PDB file of N, CA and C in Angstrom:
ATOM      1  N   UNK A   1       0.789  -1.173  -0.358  1.00  0.00           N
ATOM      2  CA  UNK A   1       0.033  -0.190  -0.396  1.00  0.00           C
ATOM      3  C   UNK A   1       0.873   1.183  -0.066  1.00  0.00           C
ATOM      4  N   UNK A   2       2.063   1.219   1.139  1.00  0.00           N
ATOM      5  CA  UNK A   2       2.856   2.375   1.057  1.00  0.00           C
ATOM      6  C   UNK A   2       3.650   2.565  -0.526  1.00  0.00           C
ATOM      7  N   UNK A   3       3.963   1.347  -0.656  1.00  0.00           N
ATOM      8  CA  UNK A   3       4.853   2.019  -2.335  1.00  0.00           C
ATOM      9  C   UNK A   3       3.699   2.092  -3.301  1.00  0.00           C
ATOM     10  N   UNK A   4       2.074   1.972  -3.370  1.00  0.00           N
ATOM     11  CA  UNK A   4       1.728   2.560  -4.498  1.00  0.00           C
ATOM     12  C   UNK A   4       1.450   3.961  -3.963  1.00  0.00           C
ATOM     13  N   UNK A   5       1.505   4.863  -2.884  1.00  0.00           N
ATOM     14  CA  UNK A   5       1.155   5.880  -3.083  1.00  0.00           C
ATOM     15  C   UNK A   5       2.452   6.792  -2.852  1.00  0.00           C
ATOM     16  N   UNK A   6       3.736   6.257  -2.541  1.00  0.00           N
ATOM     17  CA  UNK A   6       4.544   6.493  -2.733  1.00  0.00           C
ATOM     18  C   UNK A   6       4.926   6.786  -4.351  1.00  0.00           C
ATOM     19  N   UNK A   7       4.573   5.940  -5.216  1.00  0.00           N
ATOM     20  CA  UNK A   7       4.900   5.620  -6.932  1.00  0.00           C
ATOM     21  C   UNK A   7       3.603   7.071  -7.370  1.00  0.00           C
ATOM     22  N   UNK A   8       2.709   6.592  -7.036  1.00  0.00           N
ATOM     23  CA  UNK A   8       1.570   7.557  -7.143  1.00  0.00           C
ATOM     24  C   UNK A   8       1.888   9.616  -7.000  1.00  0.00           C
ATOM     25  N   UNK A   9       1.818   9.397  -6.271  1.00  0.00           N
ATOM     26  CA  UNK A   9       3.178  10.945  -5.322  1.00  0.00           C
ATOM     27  C   UNK A   9       4.292  11.354  -6.383  1.00  0.00           C
ATOM     28  N   UNK A  10       5.206  10.540  -6.720  1.00  0.00           N
ATOM     29  CA  UNK A  10       5.627  10.775  -7.516  1.00  0.00           C
ATOM     30  C   UNK A  10       5.509  11.014  -9.114  1.00  0.00           C
ATOM     31  N   UNK A  11       4.728  10.193  -9.112  1.00  0.00           N
ATOM     32  CA  UNK A  11       3.885  10.734 -10.897  1.00  0.00           C
ATOM     33  C   UNK A  11       3.513  12.533 -10.659  1.00  0.00           C
ATOM     34  N   UNK A  12       2.516  12.377  -9.884  1.00  0.00           N
ATOM     35  CA  UNK A  12       1.819  13.491 -10.032  1.00  0.00           C
ATOM     36  C   UNK A  12       3.062  14.507  -9.926  1.00  0.00           C
ATOM     37  N   UNK A  13       3.855  14.604  -9.449  1.00  0.00           N
ATOM     38  CA  UNK A  13       5.135  15.557  -9.038  1.00  0.00           C
ATOM     39  C   UNK A  13       5.537  15.799 -10.311  1.00  0.00           C
ATOM     40  N   UNK A  14       5.585  14.694 -11.310  1.00  0.00           N
ATOM     41  CA  UNK A  14       6.870  14.902 -12.282  1.00  0.00           C
ATOM     42  C   UNK A  14       5.281  15.162 -13.482  1.00  0.00           C
ATOM     43  N   UNK A  15       4.532  14.926 -13.021  1.00  0.00           N
ATOM     44  CA  UNK A  15       3.226  15.770 -13.509  1.00  0.00           C
ATOM     45  C   UNK A  15       2.840  16.768 -13.812  1.00  0.00           C
ATOM     46  N   UNK A  16       3.142  17.386 -12.783  1.00  0.00           N
ATOM     47  CA  UNK A  16       2.892  18.729 -11.973  1.00  0.00           C
ATOM     48  C   UNK A  16       4.400  19.892 -12.206  1.00  0.00           C
ATOM     49  N   UNK A  17       5.414  19.690 -12.697  1.00  0.00           N
ATOM     50  CA  UNK A  17       6.984  19.746 -13.145  1.00  0.00           C
ATOM     51  C   UNK A  17       6.409  19.895 -14.381  1.00  0.00           C
ATOM     52  N   UNK A  18       6.027  18.715 -14.991  1.00  0.00           N
ATOM     53  CA  UNK A  18       5.733  18.820 -16.361  1.00  0.00           C
ATOM     54  C   UNK A  18       5.095  20.019 -16.709  1.00  0.00           C
ATOM     55  N   UNK A  19       3.688  19.735 -16.260  1.00  0.00           N
ATOM     56  CA  UNK A  19       2.696  21.126 -17.218  1.00  0.00           C
ATOM     57  C   UNK A  19       3.090  22.767 -16.679  1.00  0.00           C
ATOM     58  N   UNK A  20       3.805  22.677 -15.051  1.00  0.00           N
ATOM     59  CA  UNK A  20       5.026  24.370 -14.808  1.00  0.00           C
ATOM     60  C   UNK A  20       5.113  24.673 -15.647  1.00  0.00           C
ATOM     61  N   UNK A  21       6.589  23.664 -16.423  1.00  0.00           N
ATOM     62  CA  UNK A  21       7.412  24.332 -17.124  1.00  0.00           C
ATOM     63  C   UNK A  21       7.121  24.622 -18.703  1.00  0.00           C
ATOM     64  N   UNK A  22       6.253  23.483 -19.412  1.00  0.00           N
ATOM     65  CA  UNK A  22       5.184  24.160 -20.543  1.00  0.00           C
ATOM     66  C   UNK A  22       4.519  25.925 -20.617  1.00  0.00           C
ATOM     67  N   UNK A  23       3.687  25.871 -19.448  1.00  0.00           N
ATOM     68  CA  UNK A  23       3.700  27.363 -19.161  1.00  0.00           C
ATOM     69  C   UNK A  23       4.766  28.314 -19.395  1.00  0.00           C
ATOM     70  N   UNK A  24       5.939  27.522 -18.747  1.00  0.00           N
ATOM     71  CA  UNK A  24       6.779  29.217 -19.823  1.00  0.00           C
ATOM     72  C   UNK A  24       6.909  28.762 -20.833  1.00  0.00           C
ATOM     73  N   UNK A  25       6.680  28.207 -21.449  1.00  0.00           N
ATOM     74  CA  UNK A  25       7.508  27.740 -22.734  1.00  0.00           C
ATOM     75  C   UNK A  25       6.819  28.715 -23.938  1.00  0.00           C
ATOM     76  N   UNK A  26       5.477  29.361 -23.900  1.00  0.00           N
ATOM     77  CA  UNK A  26       4.041  29.873 -24.704  1.00  0.00           C
ATOM     78  C   UNK A  26       5.095  30.887 -25.142  1.00  0.00           C
ATOM     79  N   UNK A  27       4.816  31.343 -26.813  1.00  0.00           N
ATOM     80  CA  UNK A  27       5.316  31.782 -27.269  1.00  0.00           C
ATOM     81  C   UNK A  27       5.220  33.199 -26.813  1.00  0.00           C
ATOM     82  N   UNK A  28       5.709  34.479 -27.641  1.00  0.00           N
ATOM     83  CA  UNK A  28       4.956  34.995 -26.736  1.00  0.00           C
ATOM     84  C   UNK A  28       4.671  36.221 -28.341  1.00  0.00           C
ATOM     85  N   UNK A  29       3.778  36.873 -28.173  1.00  0.00           N
ATOM     86  CA  UNK A  29       3.335  37.649 -29.512  1.00  0.00           C
ATOM     87  C   UNK A  29       3.789  38.624 -30.556  1.00  0.00           C
ATOM     88  N   UNK A  30       4.138  38.373 -31.389  1.00  0.00           N
ATOM     89  CA  UNK A  30       4.513  39.319 -32.422  1.00  0.00           C
ATOM     90  C   UNK A  30       5.306  40.573 -31.739  1.00  0.00           C
ATOM     91  N   UNK A  31       6.115  41.250 -31.947  1.00  0.00           N
ATOM     92  CA  UNK A  31       6.012  42.734 -31.408  1.00  0.00           C
ATOM     93  C   UNK A  31       5.117  43.237 -32.083  1.00  0.00           C
ATOM     94  N   UNK A  32       4.343  43.976 -31.396  1.00  0.00           N
ATOM     95  CA  UNK A  32       3.477  45.246 -32.593  1.00  0.00           C
ATOM     96  C   UNK A  32       1.700  44.114 -32.546  1.00  0.00           C
ATOM     97  N   UNK A  33       2.320  43.272 -31.648  1.00  0.00           N
ATOM     98  CA  UNK A  33       0.326  42.397 -32.359  1.00  0.00           C
ATOM     99  C   UNK A  33      -0.955  43.461 -32.217  1.00  0.00           C
ATOM    100  N   UNK A  34      -1.454  43.469 -32.263  1.00  0.00           N
ATOM    101  CA  UNK A  34      -2.786  44.682 -32.469  1.00  0.00           C
ATOM    102  C   UNK A  34      -3.802  43.940 -30.945  1.00  0.00           C
ATOM    103  N   UNK A  35      -3.963  42.522 -31.622  1.00  0.00           N
ATOM    104  CA  UNK A  35      -4.833  41.795 -30.354  1.00  0.00           C
ATOM    105  C   UNK A  35      -4.047  41.656 -29.307  1.00  0.00           C
ATOM    106  N   UNK A  36      -2.470  41.138 -28.904  1.00  0.00           N
ATOM    107  CA  UNK A  36      -2.287  40.951 -27.504  1.00  0.00           C
ATOM    108  C   UNK A  36      -1.751  42.853 -26.790  1.00  0.00           C
ATOM    109  N   UNK A  37      -1.970  43.601 -27.834  1.00  0.00           N
ATOM    110  CA  UNK A  37      -2.224  44.731 -27.086  1.00  0.00           C
ATOM    111  C   UNK A  37      -3.231  45.747 -26.846  1.00  0.00           C
ATOM    112  N   UNK A  38      -4.326  44.707 -27.389  1.00  0.00           N
ATOM    113  CA  UNK A  38      -5.328  45.479 -27.034  1.00  0.00           C
ATOM    114  C   UNK A  38      -5.504  44.785 -26.245  1.00  0.00           C
ATOM    115  N   UNK A  39      -5.532  43.409 -25.935  1.00  0.00           N
ATOM    116  CA  UNK A  39      -5.609  42.979 -24.300  1.00  0.00           C
ATOM    117  C   UNK A  39      -4.853  43.617 -23.413  1.00  0.00           C
ATOM    118  N   UNK A  40      -4.155  43.708 -23.223  1.00  0.00           N
ATOM    119  CA  UNK A  40      -3.116  44.229 -22.656  1.00  0.00           C
ATOM    120  C   UNK A  40      -4.335  45.756 -22.024  1.00  0.00           C
ATOM    121  N   UNK A  41      -4.548  46.736 -23.206  1.00  0.00           N
ATOM    122  CA  UNK A  41      -5.135  47.972 -22.471  1.00  0.00           C
ATOM    123  C   UNK A  41      -6.269  48.166 -21.804  1.00  0.00           C
ATOM    124  N   UNK A  42      -7.255  47.129 -22.596  1.00  0.00           N
ATOM    125  CA  UNK A  42      -8.454  46.192 -22.659  1.00  0.00           C
ATOM    126  C   UNK A  42      -8.663  45.928 -20.937  1.00  0.00           C
ATOM    127  N   UNK A  43      -7.874  44.847 -20.050  1.00  0.00           N
ATOM    128  CA  UNK A  43      -7.804  44.398 -19.544  1.00  0.00           C
ATOM    129  C   UNK A  43      -7.555  44.585 -18.165  1.00  0.00           C
ATOM    130  N   UNK A  44      -6.439  45.821 -18.704  1.00  0.00           N
ATOM    131  CA  UNK A  44      -5.799  47.580 -17.324  1.00  0.00           C
ATOM    132  C   UNK A  44      -7.755  48.268 -17.135  1.00  0.00           C
ATOM    133  N   UNK A  45      -8.107  48.226 -18.120  1.00  0.00           N
ATOM    134  CA  UNK A  45      -9.575  49.070 -17.725  1.00  0.00           C
ATOM    135  C   UNK A  45     -10.491  48.403 -16.649  1.00  0.00           C
ATOM    136  N   UNK A  46     -10.199  47.263 -16.912  1.00  0.00           N
ATOM    137  CA  UNK A  46     -11.657  46.416 -16.315  1.00  0.00           C
ATOM    138  C   UNK A  46     -11.236  45.230 -15.130  1.00  0.00           C
ATOM    139  N   UNK A  47      -9.946  44.994 -14.904  1.00  0.00           N
ATOM    140  CA  UNK A  47      -9.615  44.578 -13.056  1.00  0.00           C
ATOM    141  C   UNK A  47      -8.614  45.379 -12.926  1.00  0.00           C
ATOM    142  N   UNK A  48      -7.978  44.609 -11.913  1.00  0.00           N
ATOM    143  CA  UNK A  48      -6.963  45.312 -11.168  1.00  0.00           C
ATOM    144  C   UNK A  48      -5.709  44.652 -10.682  1.00  0.00           C
ATOM    145  N   UNK A  49      -4.817  44.481 -10.870  1.00  0.00           N
ATOM    146  CA  UNK A  49      -3.690  44.113 -10.269  1.00  0.00           C
ATOM    147  C   UNK A  49      -2.839  43.264 -10.886  1.00  0.00           C
ATOM    148  N   UNK A  50      -3.437  43.677 -12.608  1.00  0.00           N
ATOM    149  CA  UNK A  50      -2.164  42.849 -13.891  1.00  0.00           C
ATOM    150  C   UNK A  50      -0.940  43.842 -14.019  1.00  0.00           C
ATOM    151  N   UNK A  51      -0.368  45.313 -13.488  1.00  0.00           N
ATOM    152  CA  UNK A  51       0.520  45.463 -13.476  1.00  0.00           C
ATOM    153  C   UNK A  51       1.787  44.516 -12.299  1.00  0.00           C
ATOM    154  N   UNK A  52       1.651  43.432 -11.198  1.00  0.00           N
ATOM    155  CA  UNK A  52       1.949  42.828 -10.293  1.00  0.00           C
ATOM    156  C   UNK A  52       2.885  41.789 -10.762  1.00  0.00           C
ATOM    157  N   UNK A  53       3.583  41.368 -10.679  1.00  0.00           N
ATOM    158  CA  UNK A  53       5.096  40.350 -10.764  1.00  0.00           C
ATOM    159  C   UNK A  53       4.291  39.498 -11.079  1.00  0.00           C
ATOM    160  N   UNK A  54       4.320  38.432 -12.677  1.00  0.00           N
ATOM    161  CA  UNK A  54       3.489  37.199 -12.541  1.00  0.00           C
ATOM    162  C   UNK A  54       4.661  35.852 -11.786  1.00  0.00           C
ATOM    163  N   UNK A  55       4.410  35.063 -12.151  1.00  0.00           N
ATOM    164  CA  UNK A  55       5.210  33.831 -11.593  1.00  0.00           C
ATOM    165  C   UNK A  55       6.183  33.410 -12.966  1.00  0.00           C
ATOM    166  N   UNK A  56       6.089  34.324 -14.311  1.00  0.00           N
ATOM    167  CA  UNK A  56       6.385  34.507 -15.243  1.00  0.00           C
ATOM    168  C   UNK A  56       7.655  35.344 -14.700  1.00  0.00           C
ATOM    169  N   UNK A  57       8.871  34.725 -15.177  1.00  0.00           N
ATOM    170  CA  UNK A  57       9.832  35.900 -15.116  1.00  0.00           C
ATOM    171  C   UNK A  57      10.414  36.896 -15.983  1.00  0.00           C
ATOM    172  N   UNK A  58       9.860  38.338 -15.888  1.00  0.00           N
ATOM    173  CA  UNK A  58       9.568  39.388 -16.520  1.00  0.00           C
ATOM    174  C   UNK A  58       8.852  39.567 -17.047  1.00  0.00           C
ATOM    175  N   UNK A  59       7.991  38.963 -16.250  1.00  0.00           N
ATOM    176  CA  UNK A  59       6.434  39.379 -17.126  1.00  0.00           C
ATOM    177  C   UNK A  59       5.280  39.852 -16.002  1.00  0.00           C
ATOM    178  N   UNK A  60       4.666  40.920 -16.456  1.00  0.00           N
ATOM    179  CA  UNK A  60       3.618  41.087 -15.178  1.00  0.00           C
ATOM    180  C   UNK A  60       2.386  40.351 -15.341  1.00  0.00           C
ATOM    181  N   UNK A  61       1.387  39.821 -14.149  1.00  0.00           N
ATOM    182  CA  UNK A  61       0.159  39.365 -14.528  1.00  0.00           C
ATOM    183  C   UNK A  61      -0.915  39.589 -15.651  1.00  0.00           C
ATOM    184  N   UNK A  62      -0.752  40.582 -16.293  1.00  0.00           N
ATOM    185  CA  UNK A  62      -1.064  40.914 -17.238  1.00  0.00           C
ATOM    186  C   UNK A  62      -0.957  40.426 -18.438  1.00  0.00           C
ATOM    187  N   UNK A  63       0.416  40.664 -18.432  1.00  0.00           N
ATOM    188  CA  UNK A  63       1.399  40.139 -20.056  1.00  0.00           C
ATOM    189  C   UNK A  63       1.274  38.920 -19.595  1.00  0.00           C
ATOM    190  N   UNK A  64       1.243  37.966 -18.899  1.00  0.00           N
ATOM    191  CA  UNK A  64       1.628  36.503 -19.179  1.00  0.00           C
ATOM    192  C   UNK A  64       0.303  35.971 -19.090  1.00  0.00           C
ATOM    193  N   UNK A  65      -0.925  36.581 -18.529  1.00  0.00           N
ATOM    194  CA  UNK A  65      -2.126  36.055 -19.051  1.00  0.00           C
ATOM    195  C   UNK A  65      -2.907  36.921 -20.176  1.00  0.00           C
ATOM    196  N   UNK A  66      -2.666  37.807 -20.867  1.00  0.00           N
ATOM    197  CA  UNK A  66      -2.348  37.950 -22.411  1.00  0.00           C
ATOM    198  C   UNK A  66      -1.950  37.167 -23.627  1.00  0.00           C
ATOM    199  N   UNK A  67      -0.584  36.303 -22.777  1.00  0.00           N
ATOM    200  CA  UNK A  67       0.067  35.702 -23.864  1.00  0.00           C
ATOM    201  C   UNK A  67       0.143  34.778 -23.833  1.00  0.00           C
ATOM    202  N   UNK A  68      -0.967  34.097 -22.688  1.00  0.00           N
ATOM    203  CA  UNK A  68      -1.779  32.538 -22.433  1.00  0.00           C
ATOM    204  C   UNK A  68      -3.078  32.846 -23.180  1.00  0.00           C
ATOM    205  N   UNK A  69      -3.577  33.619 -23.333  1.00  0.00           N
ATOM    206  CA  UNK A  69      -4.242  34.122 -23.914  1.00  0.00           C
ATOM    207  C   UNK A  69      -3.779  33.793 -25.364  1.00  0.00           C
ATOM    208  N   UNK A  70      -3.688  34.926 -25.445  1.00  0.00           N
ATOM    209  CA  UNK A  70      -3.013  34.224 -27.369  1.00  0.00           C
ATOM    210  C   UNK A  70      -2.797  33.317 -27.362  1.00  0.00           C
ATOM    211  N   UNK A  71      -2.074  32.710 -26.892  1.00  0.00           N
ATOM    212  CA  UNK A  71      -1.085  31.170 -27.578  1.00  0.00           C
ATOM    213  C   UNK A  71      -2.669  30.166 -27.152  1.00  0.00           C
ATOM    214  N   UNK A  72      -3.219  30.574 -26.091  1.00  0.00           N
ATOM    215  CA  UNK A  72      -4.566  28.846 -26.295  1.00  0.00           C
ATOM    216  C   UNK A  72      -5.748  28.964 -27.496  1.00  0.00           C
ATOM    217  N   UNK A  73      -5.534  30.380 -27.903  1.00  0.00           N
ATOM    218  CA  UNK A  73      -7.008  29.737 -28.607  1.00  0.00           C
ATOM    219  C   UNK A  73      -6.421  30.340 -30.164  1.00  0.00           C
ATOM    220  N   UNK A  74      -7.859  29.422 -30.997  1.00  0.00           N
ATOM    221  CA  UNK A  74      -7.085  28.763 -32.171  1.00  0.00           C
ATOM    222  C   UNK A  74      -6.377  30.292 -33.131  1.00  0.00           C
ATOM    223  N   UNK A  75      -5.657  29.999 -34.028  1.00  0.00           N
ATOM    224  CA  UNK A  75      -4.850  30.330 -35.025  1.00  0.00           C
ATOM    225  C   UNK A  75      -5.424  31.678 -35.584  1.00  0.00           C
ATOM    226  N   UNK A  76      -7.070  31.174 -35.860  1.00  0.00           N
ATOM    227  CA  UNK A  76      -7.997  31.828 -36.815  1.00  0.00           C
ATOM    228  C   UNK A  76      -8.429  32.856 -36.167  1.00  0.00           C
ATOM    229  N   UNK A  77      -8.736  32.752 -34.335  1.00  0.00           N
ATOM    230  CA  UNK A  77      -9.056  33.584 -33.267  1.00  0.00           C
ATOM    231  C   UNK A  77      -8.620  35.172 -33.598  1.00  0.00           C
ATOM    232  N   UNK A  78      -9.332  36.188 -33.890  1.00  0.00           N
ATOM    233  CA  UNK A  78      -9.062  37.833 -34.682  1.00  0.00           C
ATOM    234  C   UNK A  78      -9.522  37.809 -33.537  1.00  0.00           C
ATOM    235  N   UNK A  79     -10.302  38.078 -32.908  1.00  0.00           N
ATOM    236  CA  UNK A  79     -11.392  38.979 -31.533  1.00  0.00           C
ATOM    237  C   UNK A  79     -10.456  39.702 -30.799  1.00  0.00           C
ATOM    238  N   UNK A  80     -11.270  39.972 -29.243  1.00  0.00           N
ATOM    239  CA  UNK A  80     -10.742  40.299 -28.023  1.00  0.00           C
ATOM    240  C   UNK A  80     -11.051  39.121 -26.991  1.00  0.00           C
ATOM    241  N   UNK A  81      -9.251  39.523 -26.680  1.00  0.00           N
ATOM    242  CA  UNK A  81      -9.514  37.914 -25.824  1.00  0.00           C
ATOM    243  C   UNK A  81      -9.932  38.182 -24.651  1.00  0.00           C
ATOM    244  N   UNK A  82      -9.914  39.079 -24.211  1.00  0.00           N
ATOM    245  CA  UNK A  82     -10.515  39.499 -22.473  1.00  0.00           C
ATOM    246  C   UNK A  82     -12.485  39.203 -22.798  1.00  0.00           C
ATOM    247  N   UNK A  83     -12.516  39.959 -23.737  1.00  0.00           N
ATOM    248  CA  UNK A  83     -14.380  38.999 -24.064  1.00  0.00           C
ATOM    249  C   UNK A  83     -14.509  38.195 -24.569  1.00  0.00           C
ATOM    250  N   UNK A  84     -13.653  37.348 -25.292  1.00  0.00           N
ATOM    251  CA  UNK A  84     -13.342  35.726 -25.457  1.00  0.00           C
ATOM    252  C   UNK A  84     -13.007  35.533 -23.502  1.00  0.00           C
ATOM    253  N   UNK A  85     -12.366  35.814 -22.851  1.00  0.00           N
ATOM    254  CA  UNK A  85     -12.390  34.935 -21.670  1.00  0.00           C
ATOM    255  C   UNK A  85     -13.686  34.681 -21.014  1.00  0.00           C
ATOM    256  N   UNK A  86     -14.240  36.072 -21.314  1.00  0.00           N
ATOM    257  CA  UNK A  86     -15.481  36.030 -20.053  1.00  0.00           C
ATOM    258  C   UNK A  86     -17.018  35.176 -20.923  1.00  0.00           C
ATOM    259  N   UNK A  87     -16.459  34.435 -22.186  1.00  0.00           N
ATOM    260  CA  UNK A  87     -17.269  33.600 -22.902  1.00  0.00           C
ATOM    261  C   UNK A  87     -17.234  32.608 -21.981  1.00  0.00           C
ATOM    262  N   UNK A  88     -18.837  31.694 -22.279  1.00  0.00           N
ATOM    263  CA  UNK A  88     -19.204  30.025 -22.070  1.00  0.00           C
ATOM    264  C   UNK A  88     -18.209  29.416 -22.275  1.00  0.00           C
ATOM    265  N   UNK A  89     -17.466  29.313 -23.561  1.00  0.00           N
ATOM    266  CA  UNK A  89     -16.930  29.143 -24.615  1.00  0.00           C
ATOM    267  C   UNK A  89     -15.201  29.120 -23.805  1.00  0.00           C
ATOM    268  N   UNK A  90     -14.669  31.027 -23.502  1.00  0.00           N
ATOM    269  CA  UNK A  90     -13.663  30.786 -23.379  1.00  0.00           C
ATOM    270  C   UNK A  90     -13.497  30.871 -21.730  1.00  0.00           C
ATOM    271  N   UNK A  91     -14.515  30.306 -21.171  1.00  0.00           N
ATOM    272  CA  UNK A  91     -14.124  29.926 -19.269  1.00  0.00           C
ATOM    273  C   UNK A  91     -13.209  28.697 -19.045  1.00  0.00           C
ATOM    274  N   UNK A  92     -13.059  28.027 -19.165  1.00  0.00           N
ATOM    275  CA  UNK A  92     -11.626  27.247 -19.527  1.00  0.00           C
ATOM    276  C   UNK A  92     -10.289  27.618 -19.983  1.00  0.00           C
ATOM    277  N   UNK A  93     -10.609  28.661 -20.656  1.00  0.00           N
ATOM    278  CA  UNK A  93      -8.962  29.429 -21.511  1.00  0.00           C
ATOM    279  C   UNK A  93      -8.828  30.224 -20.281  1.00  0.00           C
ATOM    280  N   UNK A  94      -9.344  30.631 -19.789  1.00  0.00           N
ATOM    281  CA  UNK A  94      -9.156  31.610 -19.300  1.00  0.00           C
ATOM    282  C   UNK A  94      -9.024  31.251 -17.871  1.00  0.00           C
ATOM    283  N   UNK A  95      -9.511  29.927 -17.127  1.00  0.00           N
ATOM    284  CA  UNK A  95      -9.161  29.427 -16.024  1.00  0.00           C
ATOM    285  C   UNK A  95      -7.599  29.216 -16.091  1.00  0.00           C
ATOM    286  N   UNK A  96      -7.212  28.403 -17.451  1.00  0.00           N
ATOM    287  CA  UNK A  96      -6.264  27.966 -17.565  1.00  0.00           C
ATOM    288  C   UNK A  96      -5.014  29.405 -17.625  1.00  0.00           C
ATOM    289  N   UNK A  97      -5.527  30.571 -18.242  1.00  0.00           N
ATOM    290  CA  UNK A  97      -4.473  31.433 -18.097  1.00  0.00           C
ATOM    291  C   UNK A  97      -4.518  32.506 -16.336  1.00  0.00           C
ATOM    292  N   UNK A  98      -5.308  32.298 -15.795  1.00  0.00           N
ATOM    293  CA  UNK A  98      -5.465  33.070 -14.686  1.00  0.00           C
ATOM    294  C   UNK A  98      -4.194  32.288 -13.471  1.00  0.00           C
ATOM    295  N   UNK A  99      -4.248  30.434 -14.015  1.00  0.00           N
ATOM    296  CA  UNK A  99      -3.403  30.009 -12.929  1.00  0.00           C
ATOM    297  C   UNK A  99      -2.405  30.395 -13.542  1.00  0.00           C
ATOM    298  N   UNK A 100      -2.112  29.779 -14.639  1.00  0.00           N
ATOM    299  CA  UNK A 100      -0.935  30.805 -15.665  1.00  0.00           C
ATOM    300  C   UNK A 100      -0.085  31.454 -15.158  1.00  0.00           C
ATOM    301  N   UNK A 101      -0.852  32.723 -15.160  1.00  0.00           N
ATOM    302  CA  UNK A 101      -0.434  34.052 -14.461  1.00  0.00           C
ATOM    303  C   UNK A 101      -0.250  34.540 -12.627  1.00  0.00           C
ATOM    304  N   UNK A 102      -1.393  33.529 -12.213  1.00  0.00           N
ATOM    305  CA  UNK A 102      -1.113  33.466 -11.055  1.00  0.00           C
ATOM    306  C   UNK A 102      -2.404  35.235 -11.073  1.00  0.00           C
ATOM    307  N   UNK A 103      -3.503  34.859 -11.781  1.00  0.00           N
ATOM    308  CA  UNK A 103      -4.095  36.581 -11.825  1.00  0.00           C
ATOM    309  C   UNK A 103      -5.609  36.169 -11.689  1.00  0.00           C
ATOM    310  N   UNK A 104      -6.420  36.276 -11.002  1.00  0.00           N
ATOM    311  CA  UNK A 104      -7.806  36.496 -10.733  1.00  0.00           C
ATOM    312  C   UNK A 104      -8.283  37.571 -10.642  1.00  0.00           C
ATOM    313  N   UNK A 105      -9.829  36.783 -10.922  1.00  0.00           N
ATOM    314  CA  UNK A 105     -10.277  38.239 -10.383  1.00  0.00           C
ATOM    315  C   UNK A 105     -10.856  38.083  -8.469  1.00  0.00           C
TER     316      UNK A 105
END
């Protein structure tokens, strides 16, 4: 019984580390990307705390959240990332990106 508990704990730890590492590997939006810039400016008008440091080195919470949203939406998505996050369809993506950036309401 103890061996199975130890093995499952190790498996969970390895999986958690892999997930955390993957989150740091998001592609940065291209310089001047209008969708990313809109995300930063619009989120600043309706949410607080976005200028605080995120767990991602060199990024604020808003930057980390918008980078995550930009990466997690489909390639052909051209809409407002903040408004998408507030929809039923965007709820899961929002939750993932809130965790990634350590930024939630």
